[in-house]
PDB file of N, CA and C in Angstrom:
ATOM      1  N   UNK A   1     -15.378 -18.427  12.388  1.00  0.00           N
ATOM      2  CA  UNK A   1     -14.842 -18.308  11.056  1.00  0.00           C
ATOM      3  C   UNK A   1     -14.201 -16.930  10.915  1.00  0.00           C
ATOM      4  N   UNK A   2     -13.074 -16.909  10.274  1.00  0.00           N
ATOM      5  CA  UNK A   2     -12.369 -15.655  10.045  1.00  0.00           C
ATOM      6  C   UNK A   2     -12.093 -15.512   8.552  1.00  0.00           C
ATOM      7  N   UNK A   3     -12.375 -14.345   8.019  1.00  0.00           N
ATOM      8  CA  UNK A   3     -12.080 -14.056   6.622  1.00  0.00           C
ATOM      9  C   UNK A   3     -11.030 -12.970   6.556  1.00  0.00           C
ATOM     10  N   UNK A   4     -10.099 -13.133   5.656  1.00  0.00           N
ATOM     11  CA  UNK A   4      -9.058 -12.128   5.456  1.00  0.00           C
ATOM     12  C   UNK A   4      -9.091 -11.719   3.996  1.00  0.00           C
ATOM     13  N   UNK A   5      -9.186 -10.413   3.769  1.00  0.00           N
ATOM     14  CA  UNK A   5      -9.219  -9.878   2.415  1.00  0.00           C
ATOM     15  C   UNK A   5      -7.970  -9.048   2.163  1.00  0.00           C
ATOM     16  N   UNK A   6      -7.446  -9.162   0.980  1.00  0.00           N
ATOM     17  CA  UNK A   6      -6.366  -8.256   0.576  1.00  0.00           C
ATOM     18  C   UNK A   6      -6.995  -6.881   0.333  1.00  0.00           C
ATOM     19  N   UNK A   7      -6.194  -5.814   0.344  1.00  0.00           N
ATOM     20  CA  UNK A   7      -6.758  -4.501   0.033  1.00  0.00           C
ATOM     21  C   UNK A   7      -7.474  -4.482  -1.319  1.00  0.00           C
ATOM     22  N   UNK A   8      -6.911  -5.136  -2.304  1.00  0.00           N
ATOM     23  CA  UNK A   8      -7.525  -5.160  -3.629  1.00  0.00           C
ATOM     24  C   UNK A   8      -8.868  -5.880  -3.611  1.00  0.00           C
ATOM     25  N   UNK A   9      -8.942  -7.009  -2.913  1.00  0.00           N
ATOM     26  CA  UNK A   9     -10.206  -7.748  -2.818  1.00  0.00           C
ATOM     27  C   UNK A   9     -11.253  -6.925  -2.072  1.00  0.00           C
ATOM     28  N   UNK A  10     -10.834  -6.199  -1.039  1.00  0.00           N
ATOM     29  CA  UNK A  10     -11.746  -5.331  -0.313  1.00  0.00           C
ATOM     30  C   UNK A  10     -12.303  -4.231  -1.204  1.00  0.00           C
ATOM     31  N   UNK A  11     -11.448  -3.654  -2.043  1.00  0.00           N
ATOM     32  CA  UNK A  11     -11.888  -2.603  -2.965  1.00  0.00           C
ATOM     33  C   UNK A  11     -12.888  -3.156  -3.983  1.00  0.00           C
ATOM     34  N   UNK A  12     -12.662  -4.368  -4.435  1.00  0.00           N
ATOM     35  CA  UNK A  12     -13.590  -4.991  -5.382  1.00  0.00           C
ATOM     36  C   UNK A  12     -14.950  -5.199  -4.728  1.00  0.00           C
ATOM     37  N   UNK A  13     -14.968  -5.691  -3.479  1.00  0.00           N
ATOM     38  CA  UNK A  13     -16.232  -5.894  -2.771  1.00  0.00           C
ATOM     39  C   UNK A  13     -16.961  -4.571  -2.536  1.00  0.00           C
ATOM     40  N   UNK A  14     -16.214  -3.541  -2.141  1.00  0.00           N
ATOM     41  CA  UNK A  14     -16.814  -2.212  -1.956  1.00  0.00           C
ATOM     42  C   UNK A  14     -17.398  -1.733  -3.282  1.00  0.00           C
ATOM     43  N   UNK A  15     -16.636  -1.902  -4.363  1.00  0.00           N
ATOM     44  CA  UNK A  15     -17.098  -1.480  -5.683  1.00  0.00           C
ATOM     45  C   UNK A  15     -18.396  -2.140  -6.076  1.00  0.00           C
ATOM     46  N   UNK A  16     -18.489  -3.445  -5.869  1.00  0.00           N
ATOM     47  CA  UNK A  16     -19.701  -4.183  -6.232  1.00  0.00           C
ATOM     48  C   UNK A  16     -20.902  -3.708  -5.412  1.00  0.00           C
ATOM     49  N   UNK A  17     -20.714  -3.517  -4.112  1.00  0.00           N
ATOM     50  CA  UNK A  17     -21.820  -3.119  -3.241  1.00  0.00           C
ATOM     51  C   UNK A  17     -22.305  -1.697  -3.549  1.00  0.00           C
ATOM     52  N   UNK A  18     -21.371  -0.763  -3.659  1.00  0.00           N
ATOM     53  CA  UNK A  18     -21.760   0.628  -3.911  1.00  0.00           C
ATOM     54  C   UNK A  18     -22.371   0.766  -5.306  1.00  0.00           C
ATOM     55  N   UNK A  19     -21.797   0.092  -6.287  1.00  0.00           N
ATOM     56  CA  UNK A  19     -22.335   0.159  -7.652  1.00  0.00           C
ATOM     57  C   UNK A  19     -23.765  -0.372  -7.701  1.00  0.00           C
ATOM     58  N   UNK A  20     -24.036  -1.443  -6.989  1.00  0.00           N
ATOM     59  CA  UNK A  20     -25.398  -2.006  -6.969  1.00  0.00           C
ATOM     60  C   UNK A  20     -26.368  -1.006  -6.353  1.00  0.00           C
ATOM     61  N   UNK A  21     -25.948  -0.351  -5.277  1.00  0.00           N
ATOM     62  CA  UNK A  21     -26.801   0.674  -4.653  1.00  0.00           C
ATOM     63  C   UNK A  21     -27.069   1.823  -5.622  1.00  0.00           C
ATOM     64  N   UNK A  22     -26.019   2.297  -6.298  1.00  0.00           N
ATOM     65  CA  UNK A  22     -26.187   3.385  -7.268  1.00  0.00           C
ATOM     66  C   UNK A  22     -27.080   2.965  -8.424  1.00  0.00           C
ATOM     67  N   UNK A  23     -26.887   1.749  -8.905  1.00  0.00           N
ATOM     68  CA  UNK A  23     -27.672   1.243 -10.029  1.00  0.00           C
ATOM     69  C   UNK A  23     -29.165   1.195  -9.689  1.00  0.00           C
ATOM     70  N   UNK A  24     -29.466   0.844  -8.455  1.00  0.00           N
ATOM     71  CA  UNK A  24     -30.854   0.748  -8.022  1.00  0.00           C
ATOM     72  C   UNK A  24     -31.437   2.093  -7.593  1.00  0.00           C
ATOM     73  N   UNK A  25     -30.617   3.134  -7.593  1.00  0.00           N
ATOM     74  CA  UNK A  25     -31.117   4.451  -7.194  1.00  0.00           C
ATOM     75  C   UNK A  25     -31.700   5.184  -8.396  1.00  0.00           C
ATOM     76  N   UNK A  26     -32.518   6.159  -8.111  1.00  0.00           N
ATOM     77  CA  UNK A  26     -33.128   6.956  -9.170  1.00  0.00           C
ATOM     78  C   UNK A  26     -32.074   7.770  -9.924  1.00  0.00           C
ATOM     79  N   UNK A  27     -31.011   8.167  -9.248  1.00  0.00           N
ATOM     80  CA  UNK A  27     -29.990   9.035  -9.855  1.00  0.00           C
ATOM     81  C   UNK A  27     -29.303   8.403 -11.053  1.00  0.00           C
ATOM     82  N   UNK A  28     -29.125   7.090 -11.053  1.00  0.00           N
ATOM     83  CA  UNK A  28     -28.397   6.475 -12.168  1.00  0.00           C
ATOM     84  C   UNK A  28     -29.173   6.516 -13.472  1.00  0.00           C
ATOM     85  N   UNK A  29     -30.490   6.703 -13.412  1.00  0.00           N
ATOM     86  CA  UNK A  29     -31.292   6.778 -14.635  1.00  0.00           C
ATOM     87  C   UNK A  29     -31.877   8.163 -14.898  1.00  0.00           C
ATOM     88  N   UNK A  30     -32.231   8.887 -13.840  1.00  0.00           N
ATOM     89  CA  UNK A  30     -32.919  10.172 -14.007  1.00  0.00           C
ATOM     90  C   UNK A  30     -32.187  11.326 -13.334  1.00  0.00           C
ATOM     91  N   UNK A  31     -30.897  11.239 -13.201  1.00  0.00           N
ATOM     92  CA  UNK A  31     -30.134  12.291 -12.538  1.00  0.00           C
ATOM     93  C   UNK A  31     -28.686  12.228 -12.948  1.00  0.00           C
ATOM     94  N   UNK A  32     -27.824  12.656 -12.053  1.00  0.00           N
ATOM     95  CA  UNK A  32     -26.394  12.656 -12.337  1.00  0.00           C
ATOM     96  C   UNK A  32     -25.654  11.935 -11.231  1.00  0.00           C
ATOM     97  N   UNK A  33     -24.764  11.047 -11.614  1.00  0.00           N
ATOM     98  CA  UNK A  33     -23.870  10.365 -10.687  1.00  0.00           C
ATOM     99  C   UNK A  33     -22.457  10.751 -11.100  1.00  0.00           C
ATOM    100  N   UNK A  34     -21.671  11.247 -10.152  1.00  0.00           N
ATOM    101  CA  UNK A  34     -20.275  11.609 -10.424  1.00  0.00           C
ATOM    102  C   UNK A  34     -19.378  10.752  -9.543  1.00  0.00           C
ATOM    103  N   UNK A  35     -18.496  10.003 -10.183  1.00  0.00           N
ATOM    104  CA  UNK A  35     -17.538   9.171  -9.454  1.00  0.00           C
ATOM    105  C   UNK A  35     -16.160   9.765  -9.717  1.00  0.00           C
ATOM    106  N   UNK A  36     -15.580  10.323  -8.669  1.00  0.00           N
ATOM    107  CA  UNK A  36     -14.304  11.013  -8.762  1.00  0.00           C
ATOM    108  C   UNK A  36     -13.180   9.981  -8.745  1.00  0.00           C
ATOM    109  N   UNK A  37     -12.155  10.240  -9.543  1.00  0.00           N
ATOM    110  CA  UNK A  37     -11.024   9.315  -9.663  1.00  0.00           C
ATOM    111  C   UNK A  37     -10.397   9.009  -8.304  1.00  0.00           C
ATOM    112  N   UNK A  38     -10.209   7.738  -8.055  1.00  0.00           N
ATOM    113  CA  UNK A  38      -9.580   7.236  -6.838  1.00  0.00           C
ATOM    114  C   UNK A  38      -9.437   5.729  -6.982  1.00  0.00           C
ATOM    115  N   UNK A  39      -8.529   5.134  -6.268  1.00  0.00           N
ATOM    116  CA  UNK A  39      -8.269   3.705  -6.468  1.00  0.00           C
ATOM    117  C   UNK A  39      -9.475   2.839  -6.101  1.00  0.00           C
ATOM    118  N   UNK A  40     -10.159   3.123  -5.001  1.00  0.00           N
ATOM    119  CA  UNK A  40     -11.360   2.363  -4.655  1.00  0.00           C
ATOM    120  C   UNK A  40     -12.514   2.751  -5.568  1.00  0.00           C
ATOM    121  N   UNK A  41     -12.642   4.038  -5.851  1.00  0.00           N
ATOM    122  CA  UNK A  41     -13.723   4.508  -6.723  1.00  0.00           C
ATOM    123  C   UNK A  41     -13.625   3.911  -8.123  1.00  0.00           C
ATOM    124  N   UNK A  42     -12.430   3.536  -8.539  1.00  0.00           N
ATOM    125  CA  UNK A  42     -12.269   2.900  -9.843  1.00  0.00           C
ATOM    126  C   UNK A  42     -13.060   1.606  -9.934  1.00  0.00           C
ATOM    127  N   UNK A  43     -13.106   0.872  -8.836  1.00  0.00           N
ATOM    128  CA  UNK A  43     -13.879  -0.371  -8.819  1.00  0.00           C
ATOM    129  C   UNK A  43     -15.378  -0.082  -8.794  1.00  0.00           C
ATOM    130  N   UNK A  44     -15.781   0.995  -8.104  1.00  0.00           N
ATOM    131  CA  UNK A  44     -17.190   1.404  -8.107  1.00  0.00           C
ATOM    132  C   UNK A  44     -17.600   1.763  -9.536  1.00  0.00           C
ATOM    133  N   UNK A  45     -16.786   2.605 -10.186  1.00  0.00           N
ATOM    134  CA  UNK A  45     -17.090   3.045 -11.552  1.00  0.00           C
ATOM    135  C   UNK A  45     -17.148   1.855 -12.503  1.00  0.00           C
ATOM    136  N   UNK A  46     -16.189   0.959 -12.393  1.00  0.00           N
ATOM    137  CA  UNK A  46     -16.134  -0.204 -13.279  1.00  0.00           C
ATOM    138  C   UNK A  46     -17.390  -1.056 -13.134  1.00  0.00           C
ATOM    139  N   UNK A  47     -17.785  -1.331 -11.900  1.00  0.00           N
ATOM    140  CA  UNK A  47     -18.969  -2.163 -11.659  1.00  0.00           C
ATOM    141  C   UNK A  47     -20.249  -1.462 -12.111  1.00  0.00           C
ATOM    142  N   UNK A  48     -20.362  -0.153 -11.848  1.00  0.00           N
ATOM    143  CA  UNK A  48     -21.567   0.558 -12.268  1.00  0.00           C
ATOM    144  C   UNK A  48     -21.660   0.612 -13.790  1.00  0.00           C
ATOM    145  N   UNK A  49     -20.547   0.867 -14.451  1.00  0.00           N
ATOM    146  CA  UNK A  49     -20.558   0.894 -15.917  1.00  0.00           C
ATOM    147  C   UNK A  49     -20.896  -0.484 -16.496  1.00  0.00           C
ATOM    148  N   UNK A  50     -20.459  -1.553 -15.828  1.00  0.00           N
ATOM    149  CA  UNK A  50     -20.834  -2.909 -16.268  1.00  0.00           C
ATOM    150  C   UNK A  50     -22.341  -3.112 -16.140  1.00  0.00           C
ATOM    151  N   UNK A  51     -22.909  -2.667 -15.017  1.00  0.00           N
ATOM    152  CA  UNK A  51     -24.352  -2.813 -14.818  1.00  0.00           C
ATOM    153  C   UNK A  51     -25.137  -2.004 -15.852  1.00  0.00           C
ATOM    154  N   UNK A  52     -24.589  -0.866 -16.266  1.00  0.00           N
ATOM    155  CA  UNK A  52     -25.232  -0.024 -17.281  1.00  0.00           C
ATOM    156  C   UNK A  52     -24.891  -0.473 -18.703  1.00  0.00           C
ATOM    157  N   UNK A  53     -24.045  -1.512 -18.802  1.00  0.00           N
ATOM    158  CA  UNK A  53     -23.584  -2.044 -20.097  1.00  0.00           C
ATOM    159  C   UNK A  53     -22.882  -0.958 -20.925  1.00  0.00           C
ATOM    160  N   UNK A  54     -22.035  -0.167 -20.225  1.00  0.00           N
ATOM    161  CA  UNK A  54     -21.287   0.920 -20.865  1.00  0.00           C
ATOM    162  C   UNK A  54     -19.816   0.915 -20.449  1.00  0.00           C
ATOM    163  N   UNK A  55     -19.290  -0.247 -20.090  1.00  0.00           N
ATOM    164  CA  UNK A  55     -17.932  -0.301 -19.552  1.00  0.00           C
ATOM    165  C   UNK A  55     -16.840  -0.384 -20.618  1.00  0.00           C
ATOM    166  N   UNK A  56     -17.207  -0.421 -21.890  1.00  0.00           N
ATOM    167  CA  UNK A  56     -16.190  -0.479 -22.939  1.00  0.00           C
ATOM    168  C   UNK A  56     -15.335   0.783 -22.888  1.00  0.00           C
ATOM    169  N   UNK A  57     -14.038   0.592 -22.853  1.00  0.00           N
ATOM    170  CA  UNK A  57     -13.115   1.721 -22.821  1.00  0.00           C
ATOM    171  C   UNK A  57     -12.762   2.190 -21.418  1.00  0.00           C
ATOM    172  N   UNK A  58     -13.300   1.532 -20.391  1.00  0.00           N
ATOM    173  CA  UNK A  58     -12.973   1.927 -19.018  1.00  0.00           C
ATOM    174  C   UNK A  58     -12.147   0.846 -18.346  1.00  0.00           C
ATOM    175  N   UNK A  59     -11.132   1.269 -17.609  1.00  0.00           N
ATOM    176  CA  UNK A  59     -10.344   0.366 -16.777  1.00  0.00           C
ATOM    177  C   UNK A  59     -10.037   1.086 -15.470  1.00  0.00           C
ATOM    178  N   UNK A  60     -10.182   0.411 -14.342  1.00  0.00           N
ATOM    179  CA  UNK A  60      -9.859   1.055 -13.072  1.00  0.00           C
ATOM    180  C   UNK A  60      -8.354   1.238 -12.841  1.00  0.00           C
ATOM    181  N   UNK A  61      -7.529   0.698 -13.731  1.00  0.00           N
ATOM    182  CA  UNK A  61      -6.076   0.717 -13.524  1.00  0.00           C
ATOM    183  C   UNK A  61      -5.458   2.105 -13.411  1.00  0.00           C
ATOM    184  N   UNK A  62      -5.913   3.081 -14.165  1.00  0.00           N
ATOM    185  CA  UNK A  62      -5.353   4.433 -14.089  1.00  0.00           C
ATOM    186  C   UNK A  62      -6.351   5.434 -13.527  1.00  0.00           C
ATOM    187  N   UNK A  63      -7.328   4.956 -12.770  1.00  0.00           N
ATOM    188  CA  UNK A  63      -8.401   5.812 -12.269  1.00  0.00           C
ATOM    189  C   UNK A  63      -8.026   6.387 -10.905  1.00  0.00           C
ATOM    190  N   UNK A  64      -7.052   7.279 -10.881  1.00  0.00           N
ATOM    191  CA  UNK A  64      -6.636   7.949  -9.656  1.00  0.00           C
ATOM    192  C   UNK A  64      -5.978   9.268 -10.020  1.00  0.00           C
ATOM    193  N   UNK A  65      -5.920  10.169  -9.056  1.00  0.00           N
ATOM    194  CA  UNK A  65      -5.272  11.467  -9.279  1.00  0.00           C
ATOM    195  C   UNK A  65      -3.862  11.473  -8.729  1.00  0.00           C
ATOM    196  N   UNK A  66      -3.660  10.877  -7.611  1.00  0.00           N
ATOM    197  CA  UNK A  66      -2.343  10.790  -6.997  1.00  0.00           C
ATOM    198  C   UNK A  66      -2.232   9.448  -6.305  1.00  0.00           C
ATOM    199  N   UNK A  67      -1.051   8.928  -6.247  1.00  0.00           N
ATOM    200  CA  UNK A  67      -0.884   7.598  -5.671  1.00  0.00           C
ATOM    201  C   UNK A  67       0.510   7.499  -5.064  1.00  0.00           C
ATOM    202  N   UNK A  68       0.625   6.734  -3.999  1.00  0.00           N
ATOM    203  CA  UNK A  68       1.928   6.499  -3.388  1.00  0.00           C
ATOM    204  C   UNK A  68       2.524   5.256  -4.027  1.00  0.00           C
ATOM    205  N   UNK A  69       3.717   5.406  -4.576  1.00  0.00           N
ATOM    206  CA  UNK A  69       4.375   4.298  -5.265  1.00  0.00           C
ATOM    207  C   UNK A  69       5.797   4.133  -4.733  1.00  0.00           C
ATOM    208  N   UNK A  70       6.410   3.002  -5.001  1.00  0.00           N
ATOM    209  CA  UNK A  70       7.809   2.837  -4.631  1.00  0.00           C
ATOM    210  C   UNK A  70       8.672   3.863  -5.392  1.00  0.00           C
ATOM    211  N   UNK A  71       9.824   4.235  -4.838  1.00  0.00           N
ATOM    212  CA  UNK A  71      10.681   5.226  -5.493  1.00  0.00           C
ATOM    213  C   UNK A  71      11.098   4.840  -6.915  1.00  0.00           C
ATOM    214  N   UNK A  72      11.079   3.573  -7.237  1.00  0.00           N
ATOM    215  CA  UNK A  72      11.500   3.137  -8.570  1.00  0.00           C
ATOM    216  C   UNK A  72      10.481   3.485  -9.651  1.00  0.00           C
ATOM    217  N   UNK A  73       9.241   3.786  -9.262  1.00  0.00           N
ATOM    218  CA  UNK A  73       8.207   4.143 -10.233  1.00  0.00           C
ATOM    219  C   UNK A  73       8.126   5.656 -10.314  1.00  0.00           C
ATOM    220  N   UNK A  74       8.340   6.188 -11.477  1.00  0.00           N
ATOM    221  CA  UNK A  74       8.348   7.637 -11.687  1.00  0.00           C
ATOM    222  C   UNK A  74       6.928   8.187 -11.742  1.00  0.00           C
ATOM    223  N   UNK A  75       6.713   9.332 -11.097  1.00  0.00           N
ATOM    224  CA  UNK A  75       5.437  10.029 -11.151  1.00  0.00           C
ATOM    225  C   UNK A  75       5.691  11.510 -11.411  1.00  0.00           C
ATOM    226  N   UNK A  76       4.640  12.209 -11.795  1.00  0.00           N
ATOM    227  CA  UNK A  76       4.735  13.650 -11.995  1.00  0.00           C
ATOM    228  C   UNK A  76       4.693  14.327 -10.625  1.00  0.00           C
ATOM    229  N   UNK A  77       4.878  15.632 -10.588  1.00  0.00           N
ATOM    230  CA  UNK A  77       4.828  16.372  -9.324  1.00  0.00           C
ATOM    231  C   UNK A  77       3.485  16.218  -8.622  1.00  0.00           C
ATOM    232  N   UNK A  78       2.413  16.081  -9.410  1.00  0.00           N
ATOM    233  CA  UNK A  78       1.080  15.949  -8.825  1.00  0.00           C
ATOM    234  C   UNK A  78       0.756  14.517  -8.402  1.00  0.00           C
ATOM    235  N   UNK A  79       1.682  13.579  -8.595  1.00  0.00           N
ATOM    236  CA  UNK A  79       1.462  12.201  -8.176  1.00  0.00           C
ATOM    237  C   UNK A  79       0.870  11.305  -9.236  1.00  0.00           C
ATOM    238  N   UNK A  80       0.699  11.811 -10.446  1.00  0.00           N
ATOM    239  CA  UNK A  80       0.154  11.020 -11.550  1.00  0.00           C
ATOM    240  C   UNK A  80       1.285  10.264 -12.238  1.00  0.00           C
ATOM    241  N   UNK A  81       0.925   9.237 -12.990  1.00  0.00           N
ATOM    242  CA  UNK A  81       1.901   8.532 -13.806  1.00  0.00           C
ATOM    243  C   UNK A  81       2.261   9.414 -15.001  1.00  0.00           C
ATOM    244  N   UNK A  82       3.512   9.371 -15.467  1.00  0.00           N
ATOM    245  CA  UNK A  82       3.899  10.220 -16.599  1.00  0.00           C
ATOM    246  C   UNK A  82       3.049   9.992 -17.852  1.00  0.00           C
ATOM    247  N   UNK A  83       2.633   8.762 -18.085  1.00  0.00           N
ATOM    248  CA  UNK A  83       1.805   8.452 -19.249  1.00  0.00           C
ATOM    249  C   UNK A  83       0.341   8.554 -18.835  1.00  0.00           C
ATOM    250  N   UNK A  84      -0.327   9.632 -19.209  1.00  0.00           N
ATOM    251  CA  UNK A  84      -1.712   9.861 -18.834  1.00  0.00           C
ATOM    252  C   UNK A  84      -2.712   9.242 -19.809  1.00  0.00           C
ATOM    253  N   UNK A  85      -2.255   8.495 -20.797  1.00  0.00           N
ATOM    254  CA  UNK A  85      -3.164   7.974 -21.816  1.00  0.00           C
ATOM    255  C   UNK A  85      -4.216   7.022 -21.238  1.00  0.00           C
ATOM    256  N   UNK A  86      -3.956   6.429 -20.086  1.00  0.00           N
ATOM    257  CA  UNK A  86      -4.915   5.506 -19.501  1.00  0.00           C
ATOM    258  C   UNK A  86      -5.944   6.156 -18.591  1.00  0.00           C
ATOM    259  N   UNK A  87      -5.822   7.459 -18.313  1.00  0.00           N
ATOM    260  CA  UNK A  87      -6.757   8.136 -17.409  1.00  0.00           C
ATOM    261  C   UNK A  87      -8.010   8.554 -18.174  1.00  0.00           C
ATOM    262  N   UNK A  88      -9.165   7.974 -17.820  1.00  0.00           N
ATOM    263  CA  UNK A  88     -10.385   8.257 -18.577  1.00  0.00           C
ATOM    264  C   UNK A  88     -11.106   9.536 -18.159  1.00  0.00           C
ATOM    265  N   UNK A  89     -10.605  10.221 -17.154  1.00  0.00           N
ATOM    266  CA  UNK A  89     -11.359  11.323 -16.555  1.00  0.00           C
ATOM    267  C   UNK A  89     -12.262  10.739 -15.481  1.00  0.00           C
ATOM    268  N   UNK A  90     -12.971  11.589 -14.769  1.00  0.00           N
ATOM    269  CA  UNK A  90     -13.917  11.092 -13.782  1.00  0.00           C
ATOM    270  C   UNK A  90     -15.076  10.425 -14.529  1.00  0.00           C
ATOM    271  N   UNK A  91     -15.863   9.633 -13.835  1.00  0.00           N
ATOM    272  CA  UNK A  91     -17.008   8.990 -14.478  1.00  0.00           C
ATOM    273  C   UNK A  91     -18.256   9.788 -14.117  1.00  0.00           C
ATOM    274  N   UNK A  92     -18.805  10.443 -15.112  1.00  0.00           N
ATOM    275  CA  UNK A  92     -20.021  11.233 -14.958  1.00  0.00           C
ATOM    276  C   UNK A  92     -21.122  10.520 -15.738  1.00  0.00           C
ATOM    277  N   UNK A  93     -22.171  10.140 -15.043  1.00  0.00           N
ATOM    278  CA  UNK A  93     -23.300   9.448 -15.670  1.00  0.00           C
ATOM    279  C   UNK A  93     -24.511  10.367 -15.527  1.00  0.00           C
ATOM    280  N   UNK A  94     -25.012  10.813 -16.653  1.00  0.00           N
ATOM    281  CA  UNK A  94     -26.153  11.728 -16.668  1.00  0.00           C
ATOM    282  C   UNK A  94     -27.320  11.021 -17.348  1.00  0.00           C
ATOM    283  N   UNK A  95     -28.427  10.900 -16.640  1.00  0.00           N
ATOM    284  CA  UNK A  95     -29.618  10.222 -17.157  1.00  0.00           C
ATOM    285  C   UNK A  95     -29.295   8.845 -17.736  1.00  0.00           C
ATOM    286  N   UNK A  96     -28.422   8.112 -17.036  1.00  0.00           N
ATOM    287  CA  UNK A  96     -28.094   6.748 -17.427  1.00  0.00           C
ATOM    288  C   UNK A  96     -27.036   6.617 -18.499  1.00  0.00           C
ATOM    289  N   UNK A  97     -26.453   7.728 -18.959  1.00  0.00           N
ATOM    290  CA  UNK A  97     -25.458   7.688 -20.035  1.00  0.00           C
ATOM    291  C   UNK A  97     -24.122   8.206 -19.512  1.00  0.00           C
ATOM    292  N   UNK A  98     -23.059   7.429 -19.709  1.00  0.00           N
ATOM    293  CA  UNK A  98     -21.704   7.829 -19.315  1.00  0.00           C
ATOM    294  C   UNK A  98     -21.210   8.906 -20.276  1.00  0.00           C
ATOM    295  N   UNK A  99     -20.860  10.049 -19.746  1.00  0.00           N
ATOM    296  CA  UNK A  99     -20.298  11.151 -20.530  1.00  0.00           C
ATOM    297  C   UNK A  99     -18.778  11.028 -20.491  1.00  0.00           C
ATOM    298  N   UNK A 100     -18.237  10.282 -21.421  1.00  0.00           N
ATOM    299  CA  UNK A 100     -16.804   9.971 -21.439  1.00  0.00           C
ATOM    300  C   UNK A 100     -15.947  11.230 -21.537  1.00  0.00           C
ATOM    301  N   UNK A 101     -14.824  11.195 -20.805  1.00  0.00           N
ATOM    302  CA  UNK A 101     -13.842  12.264 -20.877  1.00  0.00           C
ATOM    303  C   UNK A 101     -14.112  13.455 -19.974  1.00  0.00           C
ATOM    304  N   UNK A 102     -15.216  13.468 -19.270  1.00  0.00           N
ATOM    305  CA  UNK A 102     -15.531  14.584 -18.372  1.00  0.00           C
ATOM    306  C   UNK A 102     -14.693  14.476 -17.101  1.00  0.00           C
ATOM    307  N   UNK A 103     -14.361  15.620 -16.538  1.00  0.00           N
ATOM    308  CA  UNK A 103     -13.597  15.661 -15.295  1.00  0.00           C
ATOM    309  C   UNK A 103     -14.208  16.701 -14.375  1.00  0.00           C
ATOM    310  N   UNK A 104     -14.337  16.361 -13.111  1.00  0.00           N
ATOM    311  CA  UNK A 104     -14.826  17.292 -12.109  1.00  0.00           C
ATOM    312  C   UNK A 104     -13.644  18.136 -11.648  1.00  0.00           C
ATOM    313  N   UNK A 105     -13.846  19.389 -11.622  1.00  0.00           N
ATOM    314  CA  UNK A 105     -12.829  20.287 -11.081  1.00  0.00           C
ATOM    315  C   UNK A 105     -13.365  20.779  -9.747  1.00  0.00           C
ATOM    316  N   UNK A 106     -12.658  20.436  -8.674  1.00  0.00           N
ATOM    317  CA  UNK A 106     -13.155  20.848  -7.367  1.00  0.00           C
ATOM    318  C   UNK A 106     -12.171  21.793  -6.694  1.00  0.00           C
ATOM    319  N   UNK A 107     -12.681  22.413  -5.713  1.00  0.00           N
ATOM    320  CA  UNK A 107     -11.874  23.237  -4.816  1.00  0.00           C
ATOM    321  C   UNK A 107     -11.222  24.426  -5.519  1.00  0.00           C
ATOM    322  N   UNK A 108     -11.781  24.884  -6.604  1.00  0.00           N
ATOM    323  CA  UNK A 108     -11.254  26.073  -7.263  1.00  0.00           C
ATOM    324  C   UNK A 108     -12.051  27.273  -6.767  1.00  0.00           C
ATOM    325  N   UNK A 109     -11.344  28.296  -6.360  1.00  0.00           N
ATOM    326  CA  UNK A 109     -12.017  29.503  -5.911  1.00  0.00           C
ATOM    327  C   UNK A 109     -11.483  30.690  -6.698  1.00  0.00           C
ATOM    328  N   UNK A 110     -12.300  31.678  -6.838  1.00  0.00           N
ATOM    329  CA  UNK A 110     -11.853  32.905  -7.485  1.00  0.00           C
ATOM    330  C   UNK A 110     -12.006  34.029  -6.481  1.00  0.00           C
ATOM    331  N   UNK A 111     -11.070  34.915  -6.532  1.00  0.00           N
ATOM    332  CA  UNK A 111     -11.109  36.059  -5.619  1.00  0.00           C
ATOM    333  C   UNK A 111     -11.697  37.258  -6.340  1.00  0.00           C
ATOM    334  N   UNK A 112     -12.566  37.938  -5.637  1.00  0.00           N
ATOM    335  CA  UNK A 112     -13.099  39.184  -6.170  1.00  0.00           C
ATOM    336  C   UNK A 112     -12.206  40.318  -5.696  1.00  0.00           C
ATOM    337  N   UNK A 113     -11.916  41.225  -6.611  1.00  0.00           N
ATOM    338  CA  UNK A 113     -11.056  42.347  -6.227  1.00  0.00           C
ATOM    339  C   UNK A 113     -11.872  43.559  -5.896  1.00  0.00           C
TER     340      UNK A 113
END
């Protein structure tokens, strides 16, 4: 038997599996889970928020920082869509509660003089 999955179907399956693991972990209720924006991570976030019954207002459609698109689709210099209204920020779940609008800032360094 051979199964063939589209990239989108594969991302959905990954999302369901990882979300179930996170949901069953201690971190989803008594710690912090941070899901950084990305096309596959959008499915993880969506599934985990569904399991926590907190998915209202979340869509994986704009859950990315940069994306490769055909030349006909306009993007900003950073690779984002010009209309950022659909970007929910990263998904930060602290003690089982989604902290809407939070964003992880990574890779920032400060120089000491």
